[in-house]
Structure formats: structure tokens, C-alpha cells
Amino acid sequence: MRKGEVKVENYFIKLWGTPTLRENGRSLPLNEILGKQLTELLCYFLIHRGELVSHDRLIELFWPVNPQNALKFAVHRLRKLTQPYAETKEQEWIATGKHGYLFSPQAPVETDLYQLSSLTPELLAKQPGQIEVLIRGELMEGYSSMWILPIREFWKEKVKTLVQETAGILDQTGQAEAALQLTQ
């Protein structure tokens, strides 16, 4: 690191299983930090990272009653609670767009979904146990809002396909036992 540079700490949010923030070797359930509704809102933003999510869509999903004030207040609270994790204005987690909000691509946060989406069958075949580290339980375990269900199914299918393709590679390279363990 050069003189005058600020070291940016990256945070990790685990969405498989109980949504959890990992920082400095500690794991804290997001629910304990943010409460259930803000945890769900943050997870929604993380899943749609870099996408502008309209005010109308957020209101439809989270606040069918007294929507405008509730949305503004929730985003304000979420910004306030995540602000200590951003060292500069550009790293703020929640950005405002013309007709909505988005989780900033510059925010120093990584998720297990991002790691999983960058995992190919060829990479997984080199370390088949890696999938077990990433996936424990179900996506956003303990949450059952209607918006979560199709996303959960999408990721289940994505993981199933990844595992099947990886097992095929392992089987073709004479690692039938590793392929069998992976599919179990």
C-alpha cells in the first residue's frame, strides 16, 4: 500500500443459511444488527446489486400500507446502519437513482451469491468441497416473504446444475467417488 492510501476493508455477507455479516473474524446475524425487515431489504438489494430497484417495486414488496414514508424511513435507517462500513461517499451501500435505489457496486461487500455465481464446473471440480462451504441450509433461511421464494428456487436450480456438471467432469476424469460425494 502506498503512502496516503486508505486500506478498504471488504465485508462479507452470507445469504445461504441465516443472513450473516462477517467482519474481522466475527459473524453477526444481520437480524441482530438490522432487525428482520431491514435485513430483508438489505438482502433484496444485495441480490439485485447494481440494478436500480424502483420505489414502486419496493413498496409493492415491503410496504403495502403507508408506503412512501415507510420506504424513505427504512432506506434512511439502512443507510445510517451501514454507513460505518463505508470509508468514502463512493462506498455507501445504498445509492439513490432517479426513481429508485440500488446497492452500490462500489460498496466493499462480497456475498456468497457472488462467489457462487463466479464458480464454474471446472473450478469446482478442482475443489469439490468448496460448494459445501458456500451452501449450508437454504437461501435466507428463516425468511418466507413471497419475493424470496422464486429467487430461492432459481438458486437451487443453479446449484443443482453446477453440481451435476461438476460431477460429470469428475466422473470423466476418473474421480467417480468424488463425483458421488458431490452429488450427495
Protein backbone atom coordinates (compact mmCIF):
# COMPACT_ATOMS: atom_id res chain seq x y z
CA MET A 1 0.00 0.00 0.00
CA ARG A 2 1.34 3.41 -0.94
CA LYS A 3 1.66 6.26 1.50
CA GLY A 4 -1.59 8.16 1.85
CA GLU A 5 -3.76 5.27 0.61
CA VAL A 6 -6.58 4.11 2.79
CA LYS A 7 -7.00 0.38 3.19
CA VAL A 8 -10.57 -0.52 2.37
CA GLU A 9 -11.88 -3.43 4.37
CA ASN A 10 -14.20 -5.74 2.50
CA TYR A 11 -17.15 -7.16 4.35
CA PHE A 12 -18.77 -10.49 3.65
CA ILE A 13 -22.48 -11.13 3.88
CA LYS A 14 -23.59 -14.73 3.86
CA LEU A 15 -27.05 -15.21 2.38
CA TRP A 16 -27.13 -19.03 2.42
CA GLY A 17 -28.45 -20.09 5.79
CA THR A 18 -29.13 -17.30 8.26
CA PRO A 19 -28.12 -13.95 6.69
CA THR A 20 -24.90 -13.04 8.49
CA LEU A 21 -22.30 -10.26 8.37
CA ARG A 22 -18.73 -11.45 8.72
CA GLU A 23 -16.14 -8.89 9.74
CA ASN A 24 -12.81 -9.13 11.49
CA GLY A 25 -13.23 -12.85 12.13
CA ARG A 26 -16.64 -12.39 13.77
CA SER A 27 -20.03 -13.43 12.46
CA LEU A 28 -23.12 -11.46 13.41
CA PRO A 29 -26.62 -12.39 12.26
CA LEU A 30 -27.94 -9.43 10.26
CA ASN A 31 -31.24 -9.74 12.07
CA GLU A 32 -29.49 -8.77 15.33
CA ILE A 33 -27.93 -5.70 13.72
CA LEU A 34 -30.75 -4.51 11.48
CA GLY A 35 -33.94 -6.25 12.56
CA LYS A 36 -35.95 -8.56 10.33
CA GLN A 37 -37.44 -6.04 7.89
CA LEU A 38 -34.20 -4.14 7.22
CA THR A 39 -32.31 -7.43 6.90
CA GLU A 40 -34.79 -8.49 4.24
CA LEU A 41 -34.47 -5.13 2.48
CA LEU A 42 -30.66 -5.29 2.53
CA CYS A 43 -30.72 -8.87 1.22
CA TYR A 44 -33.07 -7.79 -1.57
CA PHE A 45 -30.64 -5.04 -2.54
CA LEU A 46 -27.70 -7.46 -2.39
CA ILE A 47 -29.45 -9.99 -4.61
CA HIS A 48 -30.19 -7.19 -7.08
CA ARG A 49 -26.81 -5.49 -6.67
CA GLY A 50 -26.12 -2.88 -9.33
CA GLU A 51 -29.75 -2.89 -10.51
CA LEU A 52 -31.96 0.12 -9.98
CA VAL A 53 -34.95 -1.07 -7.97
CA SER A 54 -37.93 1.22 -8.37
CA HIS A 55 -39.73 2.83 -5.48
CA ASP A 56 -42.93 1.17 -6.70
CA ARG A 57 -41.36 -2.31 -6.64
CA LEU A 58 -40.01 -1.81 -3.10
CA ILE A 59 -43.36 -0.51 -1.88
CA GLU A 60 -45.16 -3.45 -3.51
CA LEU A 61 -42.85 -5.96 -1.80
CA PHE A 62 -42.28 -4.39 1.61
CA TRP A 63 -44.87 -1.70 2.45
CA PRO A 64 -48.35 -2.16 1.06
CA VAL A 65 -49.61 0.06 3.94
CA ASN A 66 -48.33 3.67 4.37
CA PRO A 67 -45.74 3.05 1.68
CA GLN A 68 -43.97 6.34 0.90
CA ASN A 69 -42.99 7.28 4.43
CA ALA A 70 -42.13 3.70 5.37
CA LEU A 71 -39.84 3.27 2.36
CA LYS A 72 -37.99 6.55 2.93
CA PHE A 73 -37.60 5.86 6.64
CA ALA A 74 -36.37 2.28 6.06
CA VAL A 75 -33.80 3.36 3.47
CA HIS A 76 -32.66 6.16 5.79
CA ARG A 77 -32.24 3.68 8.68
CA LEU A 78 -30.45 1.16 6.45
CA ARG A 79 -28.05 3.86 5.24
CA LYS A 80 -27.40 5.00 8.78
CA LEU A 81 -26.69 1.45 9.97
CA THR A 82 -24.40 0.60 7.02
CA GLN A 83 -22.60 3.97 6.90
CA PRO A 84 -19.88 2.92 9.36
CA TYR A 85 -18.85 0.20 6.89
CA ALA A 86 -18.19 2.72 4.10
CA GLU A 87 -14.98 4.72 4.30
CA THR A 88 -15.87 7.15 1.49
CA LYS A 89 -19.02 8.62 -0.07
CA GLU A 90 -18.48 6.37 -3.13
CA GLN A 91 -18.60 3.28 -0.91
CA GLU A 92 -22.03 3.98 0.52
CA TRP A 93 -24.05 0.82 0.26
CA ILE A 94 -27.37 2.26 -0.89
CA ALA A 95 -27.39 4.74 -3.77
CA THR A 96 -30.34 6.80 -4.93
CA GLY A 97 -31.41 6.69 -8.55
CA LYS A 98 -33.95 8.84 -10.33
CA HIS A 99 -36.90 6.57 -9.49
CA GLY A 100 -35.46 4.11 -7.01
CA TYR A 101 -32.47 2.78 -5.12
CA LEU A 102 -29.64 0.39 -5.79
CA PHE A 103 -26.99 -1.44 -3.85
CA SER A 104 -23.79 0.22 -4.96
CA PRO A 105 -21.37 -1.91 -6.99
CA GLN A 106 -18.56 0.05 -5.26
CA ALA A 107 -19.64 -0.94 -1.75
CA PRO A 108 -16.90 -3.02 -0.11
CA VAL A 109 -19.18 -6.02 0.35
CA GLU A 110 -18.92 -9.52 -1.02
CA THR A 111 -21.58 -12.21 -0.75
CA ASP A 112 -21.70 -15.95 -1.05
CA LEU A 113 -24.07 -15.49 -4.02
CA TYR A 114 -21.38 -13.55 -5.85
CA GLN A 115 -18.84 -16.29 -5.10
CA LEU A 116 -21.30 -18.94 -6.21
CA SER A 117 -22.17 -17.14 -9.46
CA SER A 118 -18.49 -16.96 -10.40
CA LEU A 119 -17.95 -20.67 -9.70
CA THR A 120 -17.70 -22.85 -12.83
CA PRO A 121 -17.88 -26.64 -13.01
CA GLU A 122 -14.18 -26.70 -13.94
CA LEU A 123 -13.22 -24.66 -10.87
CA LEU A 124 -15.46 -26.67 -8.59
CA ALA A 125 -14.01 -29.94 -9.92
CA LYS A 126 -10.62 -28.82 -8.55
CA GLN A 127 -12.10 -28.24 -5.07
CA PRO A 128 -15.43 -30.08 -4.82
CA GLY A 129 -15.70 -29.42 -1.08
CA GLN A 130 -15.97 -25.67 -1.76
CA ILE A 131 -19.67 -25.99 -2.53
CA GLU A 132 -20.36 -27.24 0.99
CA VAL A 133 -18.62 -24.20 2.44
CA LEU A 134 -20.75 -21.82 0.37
CA ILE A 135 -24.09 -23.57 0.69
CA ARG A 136 -25.42 -24.54 4.08
CA GLY A 137 -29.14 -24.51 4.62
CA GLU A 138 -31.36 -22.63 2.23
CA LEU A 139 -31.08 -19.14 0.84
CA MET A 140 -32.17 -16.63 3.50
CA GLU A 141 -33.19 -19.34 5.93
CA GLY A 142 -35.97 -18.25 8.26
CA TYR A 143 -37.44 -15.76 5.76
CA SER A 144 -40.51 -16.63 3.74
CA SER A 145 -41.70 -13.47 2.00
CA MET A 146 -43.19 -14.05 -1.43
CA TRP A 147 -40.30 -12.33 -3.25
CA ILE A 148 -37.76 -14.75 -1.74
CA LEU A 149 -39.40 -17.96 -2.95
CA PRO A 150 -38.71 -17.65 -6.71
CA ILE A 151 -35.16 -16.42 -6.04
CA ARG A 152 -34.58 -19.36 -3.72
CA GLU A 153 -35.82 -21.76 -6.43
CA PHE A 154 -33.65 -20.08 -9.08
CA TRP A 155 -30.52 -20.56 -6.94
CA LYS A 156 -31.44 -24.14 -6.04
CA GLU A 157 -31.66 -24.96 -9.75
CA LYS A 158 -28.43 -23.12 -10.47
CA VAL A 159 -26.62 -25.09 -7.74
CA LYS A 160 -28.16 -28.37 -8.92
CA THR A 161 -26.94 -27.73 -12.49
CA LEU A 162 -23.49 -26.71 -11.26
CA VAL A 163 -23.19 -29.87 -9.15
CA GLN A 164 -24.39 -32.12 -11.98
CA GLU A 165 -21.97 -30.61 -14.50
CA THR A 166 -19.10 -30.82 -12.00
CA ALA A 167 -19.94 -34.45 -11.18
CA GLY A 168 -19.80 -35.19 -14.92
CA ILE A 169 -16.32 -33.68 -15.13
CA LEU A 170 -15.16 -35.61 -12.07
CA ASP A 171 -16.59 -38.84 -13.45
CA GLN A 172 -14.90 -38.31 -16.84
CA THR A 173 -11.54 -37.75 -15.15
CA GLY A 174 -11.72 -40.97 -13.16
CA GLN A 175 -12.89 -39.42 -9.90
CA ALA A 176 -16.16 -41.32 -9.58
CA GLU A 177 -16.02 -41.36 -5.78
CA ALA A 178 -15.59 -37.56 -5.64
CA ALA A 179 -18.48 -37.20 -8.10
CA LEU A 180 -20.69 -39.39 -5.92
CA GLN A 181 -19.80 -37.43 -2.77
CA LEU A 182 -20.53 -34.15 -4.53
CA THR A 183 -23.97 -35.21 -5.70
CA GLN A 184 -24.90 -36.45 -2.25
